[in-house]
Amino acid sequence: MMKQVLGEAGSVTDFDSVQKRLQSSWYGMDFQHGVKFDLTISTGDSFAAATISSLLTAAVMVRKLSGSDAEKQALSETTVASNAGLMSIHFAASDSQFNDLLHSPLFQSMVH
């Protein structure tokens, strides 16, 4: 799934070496007052977390340029950060924005 999210940005580096650094992950979703999603990935070291964070930030920027209006809106509400071996992604959207995103090519490619 991570490689598909990265898209073209995933081809910039040797993805297998990045994938080996992914130790564990956890997420939370809140559906009250829209949708909020938080994902944290433990990499074990700050360098790996920063590398993955940079790759995901690049992927977000590429999708902002090439995505549909719903994808662009969703990505503008997405933050990627790293800190001490942890990489985090935060996303928030209103109910109507999330509904539009469910029908977008980005989401459809993730679930198929």
PDB file of N, CA and C in Angstrom:
ATOM      1  N   MET A   1       0.827  -1.191   0.000  1.00  0.00           N
ATOM      2  CA  MET A   1       0.000   0.000   0.000  1.00  0.00           C
ATOM      3  C   MET A   1       0.870   1.253   0.000  1.00  0.00           C
ATOM      4  N   MET A   2       1.945   1.230   0.773  1.00  0.00           N
ATOM      5  CA  MET A   2       2.818   2.402   0.866  1.00  0.00           C
ATOM      6  C   MET A   2       3.388   2.755  -0.504  1.00  0.00           C
ATOM      7  N   LYS A   3       3.804   1.768  -1.278  1.00  0.00           N
ATOM      8  CA  LYS A   3       4.385   2.027  -2.594  1.00  0.00           C
ATOM      9  C   LYS A   3       3.344   2.646  -3.527  1.00  0.00           C
ATOM     10  N   GLN A   4       2.094   2.198  -3.435  1.00  0.00           N
ATOM     11  CA  GLN A   4       1.045   2.753  -4.278  1.00  0.00           C
ATOM     12  C   GLN A   4       0.753   4.204  -3.897  1.00  0.00           C
ATOM     13  N   VAL A   5       0.769   4.506  -2.617  1.00  0.00           N
ATOM     14  CA  VAL A   5       0.553   5.886  -2.171  1.00  0.00           C
ATOM     15  C   VAL A   5       1.673   6.787  -2.673  1.00  0.00           C
ATOM     16  N   LEU A   6       2.904   6.272  -2.605  1.00  0.00           N
ATOM     17  CA  LEU A   6       4.048   7.070  -3.054  1.00  0.00           C
ATOM     18  C   LEU A   6       4.002   7.339  -4.553  1.00  0.00           C
ATOM     19  N   GLY A   7       3.467   6.406  -5.322  1.00  0.00           N
ATOM     20  CA  GLY A   7       3.369   6.599  -6.771  1.00  0.00           C
ATOM     21  C   GLY A   7       4.727   6.863  -7.380  1.00  0.00           C
ATOM     22  N   GLU A   8       4.827   7.936  -8.171  1.00  0.00           N
ATOM     23  CA  GLU A   8       6.078   8.272  -8.851  1.00  0.00           C
ATOM     24  C   GLU A   8       7.200   8.577  -7.870  1.00  0.00           C
ATOM     25  N   ALA A   9       6.874   9.111  -6.717  1.00  0.00           N
ATOM     26  CA  ALA A   9       7.915   9.434  -5.730  1.00  0.00           C
ATOM     27  C   ALA A   9       8.582   8.169  -5.208  1.00  0.00           C
ATOM     28  N   GLY A  10       7.882   7.053  -5.231  1.00  0.00           N
ATOM     29  CA  GLY A  10       8.451   5.794  -4.771  1.00  0.00           C
ATOM     30  C   GLY A  10       9.542   5.267  -5.674  1.00  0.00           C
ATOM     31  N   SER A  11       9.569   5.715  -6.913  1.00  0.00           N
ATOM     32  CA  SER A  11      10.606   5.246  -7.836  1.00  0.00           C
ATOM     33  C   SER A  11      11.896   6.040  -7.688  1.00  0.00           C
ATOM     34  N   VAL A  12      11.882   7.099  -6.892  1.00  0.00           N
ATOM     35  CA  VAL A  12      13.066   7.933  -6.692  1.00  0.00           C
ATOM     36  C   VAL A  12      14.124   7.179  -5.892  1.00  0.00           C
ATOM     37  N   THR A  13      13.713   6.311  -5.008  1.00  0.00           N
ATOM     38  CA  THR A  13      14.650   5.594  -4.147  1.00  0.00           C
ATOM     39  C   THR A  13      14.418   4.094  -4.252  1.00  0.00           C
ATOM     40  N   ASP A  14      15.289   3.318  -3.685  1.00  0.00           N
ATOM     41  CA  ASP A  14      15.127   1.880  -3.620  1.00  0.00           C
ATOM     42  C   ASP A  14      14.060   1.585  -2.571  1.00  0.00           C
ATOM     43  N   PHE A  15      12.845   1.323  -3.011  1.00  0.00           N
ATOM     44  CA  PHE A  15      11.728   1.169  -2.092  1.00  0.00           C
ATOM     45  C   PHE A  15      11.941   0.000  -1.131  1.00  0.00           C
ATOM     46  N   ASP A  16      12.582  -1.069  -1.579  1.00  0.00           N
ATOM     47  CA  ASP A  16      12.793  -2.221  -0.705  1.00  0.00           C
ATOM     48  C   ASP A  16      13.603  -1.852   0.532  1.00  0.00           C
ATOM     49  N   SER A  17      14.596  -0.990   0.372  1.00  0.00           N
ATOM     50  CA  SER A  17      15.389  -0.588   1.537  1.00  0.00           C
ATOM     51  C   SER A  17      14.563   0.272   2.492  1.00  0.00           C
ATOM     52  N   VAL A  18      13.658   1.072   1.952  1.00  0.00           N
ATOM     53  CA  VAL A  18      12.769   1.873   2.796  1.00  0.00           C
ATOM     54  C   VAL A  18      11.775   0.960   3.506  1.00  0.00           C
ATOM     55  N   GLN A  19      11.216   0.016   2.770  1.00  0.00           N
ATOM     56  CA  GLN A  19      10.207  -0.877   3.324  1.00  0.00           C
ATOM     57  C   GLN A  19      10.752  -1.679   4.509  1.00  0.00           C
ATOM     58  N   LYS A  20      11.995  -2.065   4.466  1.00  0.00           N
ATOM     59  CA  LYS A  20      12.602  -2.846   5.551  1.00  0.00           C
ATOM     60  C   LYS A  20      12.672  -2.051   6.852  1.00  0.00           C
ATOM     61  N   ARG A  21      12.610  -0.742   6.761  1.00  0.00           N
ATOM     62  CA  ARG A  21      12.689   0.116   7.957  1.00  0.00           C
ATOM     63  C   ARG A  21      11.336   0.299   8.648  1.00  0.00           C
ATOM     64  N   LEU A  22      10.253  -0.092   8.003  1.00  0.00           N
ATOM     65  CA  LEU A  22       8.926   0.065   8.590  1.00  0.00           C
ATOM     66  C   LEU A  22       8.721  -1.026   9.636  1.00  0.00           C
ATOM     67  N   GLN A  23       8.743  -0.641  10.906  1.00  0.00           N
ATOM     68  CA  GLN A  23       8.658  -1.619  11.982  1.00  0.00           C
ATOM     69  C   GLN A  23       7.232  -1.887  12.430  1.00  0.00           C
ATOM     70  N   SER A  24       6.479  -0.845  12.629  1.00  0.00           N
ATOM     71  CA  SER A  24       5.094  -0.992  13.075  1.00  0.00           C
ATOM     72  C   SER A  24       4.339   0.279  12.738  1.00  0.00           C
ATOM     73  N   SER A  25       3.029   0.171  12.805  1.00  0.00           N
ATOM     74  CA  SER A  25       2.201   1.349  12.549  1.00  0.00           C
ATOM     75  C   SER A  25       0.904   1.232  13.331  1.00  0.00           C
ATOM     76  N   TRP A  26       0.268   2.366  13.546  1.00  0.00           N
ATOM     77  CA  TRP A  26      -1.034   2.404  14.181  1.00  0.00           C
ATOM     78  C   TRP A  26      -1.766   3.629  13.663  1.00  0.00           C
ATOM     79  N   TYR A  27      -3.071   3.528  13.690  1.00  0.00           N
ATOM     80  CA  TYR A  27      -3.873   4.630  13.173  1.00  0.00           C
ATOM     81  C   TYR A  27      -5.136   4.802  13.997  1.00  0.00           C
ATOM     82  N   GLY A  28      -5.736   5.952  13.820  1.00  0.00           N
ATOM     83  CA  GLY A  28      -7.007   6.253  14.452  1.00  0.00           C
ATOM     84  C   GLY A  28      -7.866   7.036  13.489  1.00  0.00           C
ATOM     85  N   MET A  29      -9.169   6.787  13.545  1.00  0.00           N
ATOM     86  CA  MET A  29     -10.112   7.529  12.714  1.00  0.00           C
ATOM     87  C   MET A  29     -11.243   8.029  13.599  1.00  0.00           C
ATOM     88  N   ASP A  30     -11.697   9.230  13.305  1.00  0.00           N
ATOM     89  CA  ASP A  30     -12.794   9.848  14.038  1.00  0.00           C
ATOM     90  C   ASP A  30     -13.800  10.332  13.006  1.00  0.00           C
ATOM     91  N   PHE A  31     -15.045   9.844  13.099  1.00  0.00           N
ATOM     92  CA  PHE A  31     -16.067  10.200  12.123  1.00  0.00           C
ATOM     93  C   PHE A  31     -17.083  11.210  12.656  1.00  0.00           C
ATOM     94  N   GLN A  32     -16.792  11.804  13.815  1.00  0.00           N
ATOM     95  CA  GLN A  32     -17.681  12.849  14.311  1.00  0.00           C
ATOM     96  C   GLN A  32     -17.245  14.169  13.701  1.00  0.00           C
ATOM     97  N   HIS A  33     -18.183  14.928  13.186  1.00  0.00           N
ATOM     98  CA  HIS A  33     -17.895  16.230  12.582  1.00  0.00           C
ATOM     99  C   HIS A  33     -16.895  16.094  11.434  1.00  0.00           C
ATOM    100  N   GLY A  34     -17.229  15.266  10.459  1.00  0.00           N
ATOM    101  CA  GLY A  34     -16.334  15.026   9.330  1.00  0.00           C
ATOM    102  C   GLY A  34     -15.504  13.786   9.569  1.00  0.00           C
ATOM    103  N   VAL A  35     -14.366  13.723   8.913  1.00  0.00           N
ATOM    104  CA  VAL A  35     -13.470  12.572   9.036  1.00  0.00           C
ATOM    105  C   VAL A  35     -12.083  13.072   9.404  1.00  0.00           C
ATOM    106  N   LYS A  36     -11.535  12.468  10.433  1.00  0.00           N
ATOM    107  CA  LYS A  36     -10.156  12.755  10.833  1.00  0.00           C
ATOM    108  C   LYS A  36      -9.409  11.427  10.858  1.00  0.00           C
ATOM    109  N   PHE A  37      -8.226  11.417  10.264  1.00  0.00           N
ATOM    110  CA  PHE A  37      -7.416  10.210  10.177  1.00  0.00           C
ATOM    111  C   PHE A  37      -5.996  10.543  10.611  1.00  0.00           C
ATOM    112  N   ASP A  38      -5.463   9.749  11.519  1.00  0.00           N
ATOM    113  CA  ASP A  38      -4.084   9.908  11.972  1.00  0.00           C
ATOM    114  C   ASP A  38      -3.385   8.562  11.853  1.00  0.00           C
ATOM    115  N   LEU A  39      -2.236   8.549  11.179  1.00  0.00           N
ATOM    116  CA  LEU A  39      -1.423   7.355  11.007  1.00  0.00           C
ATOM    117  C   LEU A  39      -0.023   7.645  11.516  1.00  0.00           C
ATOM    118  N   THR A  40       0.511   6.747  12.315  1.00  0.00           N
ATOM    119  CA  THR A  40       1.889   6.859  12.799  1.00  0.00           C
ATOM    120  C   THR A  40       2.628   5.595  12.407  1.00  0.00           C
ATOM    121  N   ILE A  41       3.827   5.766  11.854  1.00  0.00           N
ATOM    122  CA  ILE A  41       4.668   4.641  11.456  1.00  0.00           C
ATOM    123  C   ILE A  41       5.976   4.740  12.231  1.00  0.00           C
ATOM    124  N   SER A  42       6.333   3.655  12.889  1.00  0.00           N
ATOM    125  CA  SER A  42       7.598   3.587  13.613  1.00  0.00           C
ATOM    126  C   SER A  42       8.658   3.010  12.681  1.00  0.00           C
ATOM    127  N   THR A  43       9.769   3.724  12.569  1.00  0.00           N
ATOM    128  CA  THR A  43      10.854   3.276  11.696  1.00  0.00           C
ATOM    129  C   THR A  43      12.085   2.860  12.476  1.00  0.00           C
ATOM    130  N   GLY A  44      12.166   3.200  13.733  1.00  0.00           N
ATOM    131  CA  GLY A  44      13.310   2.830  14.542  1.00  0.00           C
ATOM    132  C   GLY A  44      14.426   3.851  14.564  1.00  0.00           C
ATOM    133  N   ASP A  45      14.478   4.722  13.560  1.00  0.00           N
ATOM    134  CA  ASP A  45      15.515   5.754  13.587  1.00  0.00           C
ATOM    135  C   ASP A  45      15.019   7.020  12.893  1.00  0.00           C
ATOM    136  N   SER A  46      15.587   8.123  13.284  1.00  0.00           N
ATOM    137  CA  SER A  46      15.158   9.434  12.778  1.00  0.00           C
ATOM    138  C   SER A  46      15.401   9.588  11.289  1.00  0.00           C
ATOM    139  N   PHE A  47      16.511   9.032  10.792  1.00  0.00           N
ATOM    140  CA  PHE A  47      16.840   9.169   9.376  1.00  0.00           C
ATOM    141  C   PHE A  47      15.785   8.495   8.498  1.00  0.00           C
ATOM    142  N   ALA A  48      15.379   7.276   8.854  1.00  0.00           N
ATOM    143  CA  ALA A  48      14.360   6.567   8.081  1.00  0.00           C
ATOM    144  C   ALA A  48      13.030   7.306   8.126  1.00  0.00           C
ATOM    145  N   ALA A  49      12.657   7.796   9.309  1.00  0.00           N
ATOM    146  CA  ALA A  49      11.397   8.533   9.437  1.00  0.00           C
ATOM    147  C   ALA A  49      11.417   9.790   8.569  1.00  0.00           C
ATOM    148  N   ALA A  50      12.539  10.510   8.570  1.00  0.00           N
ATOM    149  CA  ALA A  50      12.656  11.723   7.757  1.00  0.00           C
ATOM    150  C   ALA A  50      12.638  11.391   6.274  1.00  0.00           C
ATOM    151  N   THR A  51      13.272  10.292   5.879  1.00  0.00           N
ATOM    152  CA  THR A  51      13.279   9.877   4.473  1.00  0.00           C
ATOM    153  C   THR A  51      11.874   9.550   3.988  1.00  0.00           C
ATOM    154  N   ILE A  52      11.157   8.749   4.761  1.00  0.00           N
ATOM    155  CA  ILE A  52       9.795   8.380   4.372  1.00  0.00           C
ATOM    156  C   ILE A  52       8.889   9.604   4.378  1.00  0.00           C
ATOM    157  N   SER A  53       9.060  10.465   5.361  1.00  0.00           N
ATOM    158  CA  SER A  53       8.283  11.698   5.419  1.00  0.00           C
ATOM    159  C   SER A  53       8.533  12.551   4.173  1.00  0.00           C
ATOM    160  N   SER A  54       9.789  12.653   3.758  1.00  0.00           N
ATOM    161  CA  SER A  54      10.127  13.430   2.564  1.00  0.00           C
ATOM    162  C   SER A  54       9.517  12.816   1.309  1.00  0.00           C
ATOM    163  N   LEU A  55       9.560  11.482   1.210  1.00  0.00           N
ATOM    164  CA  LEU A  55       8.968  10.809   0.057  1.00  0.00           C
ATOM    165  C   LEU A  55       7.462  11.036  -0.005  1.00  0.00           C
ATOM    166  N   LEU A  56       6.801  10.912   1.136  1.00  0.00           N
ATOM    167  CA  LEU A  56       5.351  11.130   1.156  1.00  0.00           C
ATOM    168  C   LEU A  56       5.002  12.587   0.875  1.00  0.00           C
ATOM    169  N   THR A  57       5.795  13.505   1.371  1.00  0.00           N
ATOM    170  CA  THR A  57       5.567  14.918   1.079  1.00  0.00           C
ATOM    171  C   THR A  57       5.698  15.170  -0.418  1.00  0.00           C
ATOM    172  N   ALA A  58       6.689  14.552  -1.054  1.00  0.00           N
ATOM    173  CA  ALA A  58       6.851  14.681  -2.511  1.00  0.00           C
ATOM    174  C   ALA A  58       5.660  14.076  -3.250  1.00  0.00           C
ATOM    175  N   ALA A  59       5.184  12.918  -2.782  1.00  0.00           N
ATOM    176  CA  ALA A  59       4.025  12.282  -3.408  1.00  0.00           C
ATOM    177  C   ALA A  59       2.785  13.171  -3.290  1.00  0.00           C
ATOM    178  N   VAL A  60       2.615  13.793  -2.133  1.00  0.00           N
ATOM    179  CA  VAL A  60       1.480  14.704  -1.935  1.00  0.00           C
ATOM    180  C   VAL A  60       1.579  15.878  -2.906  1.00  0.00           C
ATOM    181  N   MET A  61       2.758  16.427  -3.066  1.00  0.00           N
ATOM    182  CA  MET A  61       2.935  17.568  -3.965  1.00  0.00           C
ATOM    183  C   MET A  61       2.643  17.182  -5.412  1.00  0.00           C
ATOM    184  N   VAL A  62       3.089  16.000  -5.837  1.00  0.00           N
ATOM    185  CA  VAL A  62       2.828  15.536  -7.204  1.00  0.00           C
ATOM    186  C   VAL A  62       1.337  15.367  -7.415  1.00  0.00           C
ATOM    187  N   ARG A  63       0.657  14.747  -6.442  1.00  0.00           N
ATOM    188  CA  ARG A  63      -0.786  14.540  -6.575  1.00  0.00           C
ATOM    189  C   ARG A  63      -1.560  15.858  -6.532  1.00  0.00           C
ATOM    190  N   LYS A  64      -1.050  16.841  -5.801  1.00  0.00           N
ATOM    191  CA  LYS A  64      -1.705  18.150  -5.780  1.00  0.00           C
ATOM    192  C   LYS A  64      -1.690  18.780  -7.164  1.00  0.00           C
ATOM    193  N   LEU A  65      -0.649  18.516  -7.923  1.00  0.00           N
ATOM    194  CA  LEU A  65      -0.538  19.079  -9.268  1.00  0.00           C
ATOM    195  C   LEU A  65      -1.362  18.302 -10.283  1.00  0.00           C
ATOM    196  N   SER A  66      -1.485  16.991 -10.094  1.00  0.00           N
ATOM    197  CA  SER A  66      -2.105  16.167 -11.131  1.00  0.00           C
ATOM    198  C   SER A  66      -3.456  15.583 -10.741  1.00  0.00           C
ATOM    199  N   GLY A  67      -3.874  15.736  -9.508  1.00  0.00           N
ATOM    200  CA  GLY A  67      -5.094  15.094  -9.031  1.00  0.00           C
ATOM    201  C   GLY A  67      -6.367  15.831  -9.408  1.00  0.00           C
ATOM    202  N   SER A  68      -7.480  15.180  -9.119  1.00  0.00           N
ATOM    203  CA  SER A  68      -8.790  15.788  -9.333  1.00  0.00           C
ATOM    204  C   SER A  68      -9.011  16.878  -8.289  1.00  0.00           C
ATOM    205  N   ASP A  69     -10.076  17.640  -8.437  1.00  0.00           N
ATOM    206  CA  ASP A  69     -10.375  18.697  -7.469  1.00  0.00           C
ATOM    207  C   ASP A  69     -10.572  18.131  -6.060  1.00  0.00           C
ATOM    208  N   ALA A  70     -11.252  16.990  -5.961  1.00  0.00           N
ATOM    209  CA  ALA A  70     -11.478  16.366  -4.656  1.00  0.00           C
ATOM    210  C   ALA A  70     -10.152  15.931  -4.031  1.00  0.00           C
ATOM    211  N   GLU A  71      -9.255  15.384  -4.860  1.00  0.00           N
ATOM    212  CA  GLU A  71      -7.945  14.961  -4.354  1.00  0.00           C
ATOM    213  C   GLU A  71      -7.127  16.158  -3.905  1.00  0.00           C
ATOM    214  N   LYS A  72      -7.158  17.226  -4.685  1.00  0.00           N
ATOM    215  CA  LYS A  72      -6.406  18.431  -4.316  1.00  0.00           C
ATOM    216  C   LYS A  72      -6.903  18.994  -2.990  1.00  0.00           C
ATOM    217  N   GLN A  73      -8.211  19.003  -2.798  1.00  0.00           N
ATOM    218  CA  GLN A  73      -8.789  19.496  -1.548  1.00  0.00           C
ATOM    219  C   GLN A  73      -8.356  18.616  -0.380  1.00  0.00           C
ATOM    220  N   ALA A  74      -8.427  17.303  -0.565  1.00  0.00           N
ATOM    221  CA  ALA A  74      -8.040  16.376   0.498  1.00  0.00           C
ATOM    222  C   ALA A  74      -6.564  16.509   0.835  1.00  0.00           C
ATOM    223  N   LEU A  75      -5.734  16.650  -0.175  1.00  0.00           N
ATOM    224  CA  LEU A  75      -4.295  16.743   0.061  1.00  0.00           C
ATOM    225  C   LEU A  75      -3.903  18.064   0.706  1.00  0.00           C
ATOM    226  N   SER A  76      -4.703  19.101   0.484  1.00  0.00           N
ATOM    227  CA  SER A  76      -4.403  20.369   1.151  1.00  0.00           C
ATOM    228  C   SER A  76      -4.691  20.274   2.654  1.00  0.00           C
ATOM    229  N   GLU A  77      -5.481  19.281   3.037  1.00  0.00           N
ATOM    230  CA  GLU A  77      -5.808  19.051   4.448  1.00  0.00           C
ATOM    231  C   GLU A  77      -4.965  17.917   5.042  1.00  0.00           C
ATOM    232  N   THR A  78      -3.892  17.538   4.361  1.00  0.00           N
ATOM    233  CA  THR A  78      -3.034  16.439   4.806  1.00  0.00           C
ATOM    234  C   THR A  78      -1.677  16.976   5.226  1.00  0.00           C
ATOM    235  N   THR A  79      -1.211  16.551   6.398  1.00  0.00           N
ATOM    236  CA  THR A  79       0.124  16.933   6.845  1.00  0.00           C
ATOM    237  C   THR A  79       0.951  15.671   7.076  1.00  0.00           C
ATOM    238  N   VAL A  80       2.223  15.764   6.728  1.00  0.00           N
ATOM    239  CA  VAL A  80       3.175  14.669   6.918  1.00  0.00           C
ATOM    240  C   VAL A  80       4.336  15.230   7.728  1.00  0.00           C
ATOM    241  N   ALA A  81       4.744  14.509   8.765  1.00  0.00           N
ATOM    242  CA  ALA A  81       5.844  14.980   9.618  1.00  0.00           C
ATOM    243  C   ALA A  81       6.613  13.789  10.165  1.00  0.00           C
ATOM    244  N   SER A  82       7.810  14.063  10.642  1.00  0.00           N
ATOM    245  CA  SER A  82       8.592  13.020  11.303  1.00  0.00           C
ATOM    246  C   SER A  82       9.227  13.595  12.559  1.00  0.00           C
ATOM    247  N   ASN A  83       9.431  12.697  13.533  1.00  0.00           N
ATOM    248  CA  ASN A  83      10.038  13.113  14.788  1.00  0.00           C
ATOM    249  C   ASN A  83      10.578  11.875  15.509  1.00  0.00           C
ATOM    250  N   ALA A  84      11.872  11.826  15.702  1.00  0.00           N
ATOM    251  CA  ALA A  84      12.522  10.799  16.524  1.00  0.00           C
ATOM    252  C   ALA A  84      12.115   9.368  16.164  1.00  0.00           C
ATOM    253  N   GLY A  85      12.209   9.008  14.905  1.00  0.00           N
ATOM    254  CA  GLY A  85      11.911   7.639  14.503  1.00  0.00           C
ATOM    255  C   GLY A  85      10.451   7.358  14.226  1.00  0.00           C
ATOM    256  N   LEU A  86       9.611   8.369  14.335  1.00  0.00           N
ATOM    257  CA  LEU A  86       8.188   8.224  14.043  1.00  0.00           C
ATOM    258  C   LEU A  86       7.816   9.137  12.883  1.00  0.00           C
ATOM    259  N   MET A  87       7.049   8.615  11.952  1.00  0.00           N
ATOM    260  CA  MET A  87       6.528   9.407  10.843  1.00  0.00           C
ATOM    261  C   MET A  87       5.019   9.443  11.007  1.00  0.00           C
ATOM    262  N   SER A  88       4.422  10.617  10.870  1.00  0.00           N
ATOM    263  CA  SER A  88       2.980  10.731  11.078  1.00  0.00           C
ATOM    264  C   SER A  88       2.313  11.422   9.902  1.00  0.00           C
ATOM    265  N   ILE A  89       1.072  11.001   9.672  1.00  0.00           N
ATOM    266  CA  ILE A  89       0.225  11.603   8.640  1.00  0.00           C
ATOM    267  C   ILE A  89      -1.084  11.982   9.320  1.00  0.00           C
ATOM    268  N   HIS A  90      -1.530  13.194   9.086  1.00  0.00           N
ATOM    269  CA  HIS A  90      -2.815  13.656   9.611  1.00  0.00           C
ATOM    270  C   HIS A  90      -3.655  14.149   8.433  1.00  0.00           C
ATOM    271  N   PHE A  91      -4.917  13.736   8.419  1.00  0.00           N
ATOM    272  CA  PHE A  91      -5.854  14.136   7.377  1.00  0.00           C
ATOM    273  C   PHE A  91      -7.179  14.484   8.032  1.00  0.00           C
ATOM    274  N   ALA A  92      -7.816  15.538   7.547  1.00  0.00           N
ATOM    275  CA  ALA A  92      -9.142  15.919   8.035  1.00  0.00           C
ATOM    276  C   ALA A  92      -9.972  16.423   6.862  1.00  0.00           C
ATOM    277  N   ALA A  93     -11.255  16.085   6.863  1.00  0.00           N
ATOM    278  CA  ALA A  93     -12.161  16.532   5.800  1.00  0.00           C
ATOM    279  C   ALA A  93     -13.584  16.585   6.348  1.00  0.00           C
ATOM    280  N   SER A  94     -14.382  17.438   5.734  1.00  0.00           N
ATOM    281  CA  SER A  94     -15.806  17.470   6.080  1.00  0.00           C
ATOM    282  C   SER A  94     -16.464  16.232   5.469  1.00  0.00           C
ATOM    283  N   ASP A  95     -17.702  15.960   5.870  1.00  0.00           N
ATOM    284  CA  ASP A  95     -18.413  14.806   5.321  1.00  0.00           C
ATOM    285  C   ASP A  95     -18.538  14.893   3.798  1.00  0.00           C
ATOM    286  N   SER A  96     -18.879  16.069   3.284  1.00  0.00           N
ATOM    287  CA  SER A  96     -19.055  16.204   1.831  1.00  0.00           C
ATOM    288  C   SER A  96     -17.723  16.083   1.092  1.00  0.00           C
ATOM    289  N   GLN A  97     -16.643  16.633   1.654  1.00  0.00           N
ATOM    290  CA  GLN A  97     -15.326  16.495   1.035  1.00  0.00           C
ATOM    291  C   GLN A  97     -14.901  15.029   1.007  1.00  0.00           C
ATOM    292  N   PHE A  98     -15.156  14.317   2.096  1.00  0.00           N
ATOM    293  CA  PHE A  98     -14.779  12.914   2.156  1.00  0.00           C
ATOM    294  C   PHE A  98     -15.594  12.090   1.162  1.00  0.00           C
ATOM    295  N   ASN A  99     -16.858  12.403   1.019  1.00  0.00           N
ATOM    296  CA  ASN A  99     -17.705  11.707   0.051  1.00  0.00           C
ATOM    297  C   ASN A  99     -17.163  11.903  -1.367  1.00  0.00           C
ATOM    298  N   ASP A 100     -16.770  13.116  -1.705  1.00  0.00           N
ATOM    299  CA  ASP A 100     -16.177  13.374  -3.018  1.00  0.00           C
ATOM    300  C   ASP A 100     -14.882  12.588  -3.205  1.00  0.00           C
ATOM    301  N   LEU A 101     -14.086  12.504  -2.142  1.00  0.00           N
ATOM    302  CA  LEU A 101     -12.812  11.784  -2.205  1.00  0.00           C
ATOM    303  C   LEU A 101     -13.025  10.289  -2.432  1.00  0.00           C
ATOM    304  N   LEU A 102     -14.084   9.721  -1.860  1.00  0.00           N
ATOM    305  CA  LEU A 102     -14.362   8.295  -2.043  1.00  0.00           C
ATOM    306  C   LEU A 102     -14.567   7.923  -3.504  1.00  0.00           C
ATOM    307  N   HIS A 103     -14.998   8.887  -4.310  1.00  0.00           N
ATOM    308  CA  HIS A 103     -15.255   8.626  -5.727  1.00  0.00           C
ATOM    309  C   HIS A 103     -14.092   9.050  -6.622  1.00  0.00           C
ATOM    310  N   SER A 104     -13.015   9.523  -6.040  1.00  0.00           N
ATOM    311  CA  SER A 104     -11.882  10.016  -6.816  1.00  0.00           C
ATOM    312  C   SER A 104     -11.009   8.859  -7.325  1.00  0.00           C
ATOM    313  N   PRO A 105     -10.278   9.100  -8.402  1.00  0.00           N
ATOM    314  CA  PRO A 105      -9.369   8.061  -8.915  1.00  0.00           C
ATOM    315  C   PRO A 105      -8.312   7.644  -7.893  1.00  0.00           C
ATOM    316  N   LEU A 106      -7.833   8.585  -7.069  1.00  0.00           N
ATOM    317  CA  LEU A 106      -6.821   8.256  -6.051  1.00  0.00           C
ATOM    318  C   LEU A 106      -7.377   7.203  -5.094  1.00  0.00           C
ATOM    319  N   PHE A 107      -8.553   7.433  -4.569  1.00  0.00           N
ATOM    320  CA  PHE A 107      -9.142   6.482  -3.622  1.00  0.00           C
ATOM    321  C   PHE A 107      -9.462   5.167  -4.312  1.00  0.00           C
ATOM    322  N   GLN A 108     -10.011   5.222  -5.510  1.00  0.00           N
ATOM    323  CA  GLN A 108     -10.351   4.010  -6.234  1.00  0.00           C
ATOM    324  C   GLN A 108      -9.123   3.144  -6.503  1.00  0.00           C
ATOM    325  N   SER A 109      -7.986   3.777  -6.779  1.00  0.00           N
ATOM    326  CA  SER A 109      -6.763   3.004  -7.016  1.00  0.00           C
ATOM    327  C   SER A 109      -6.275   2.345  -5.738  1.00  0.00           C
ATOM    328  N   MET A 110      -6.604   2.910  -4.590  1.00  0.00           N
ATOM    329  CA  MET A 110      -6.163   2.346  -3.312  1.00  0.00           C
ATOM    330  C   MET A 110      -6.989   1.133  -2.904  1.00  0.00           C
ATOM    331  N   VAL A 111      -8.251   1.091  -3.277  1.00  0.00           N
ATOM    332  CA  VAL A 111      -9.115   0.009  -2.821  1.00  0.00           C
ATOM    333  C   VAL A 111      -9.222  -1.130  -3.827  1.00  0.00           C
ATOM    334  N   HIS A 112      -8.641  -0.967  -4.992  1.00  0.00           N
ATOM    335  CA  HIS A 112      -8.696  -2.059  -5.990  1.00  0.00           C
ATOM    336  C   HIS A 112      -7.380  -2.729  -6.158  1.00  0.00           C
TER     337      HIS A 112
END
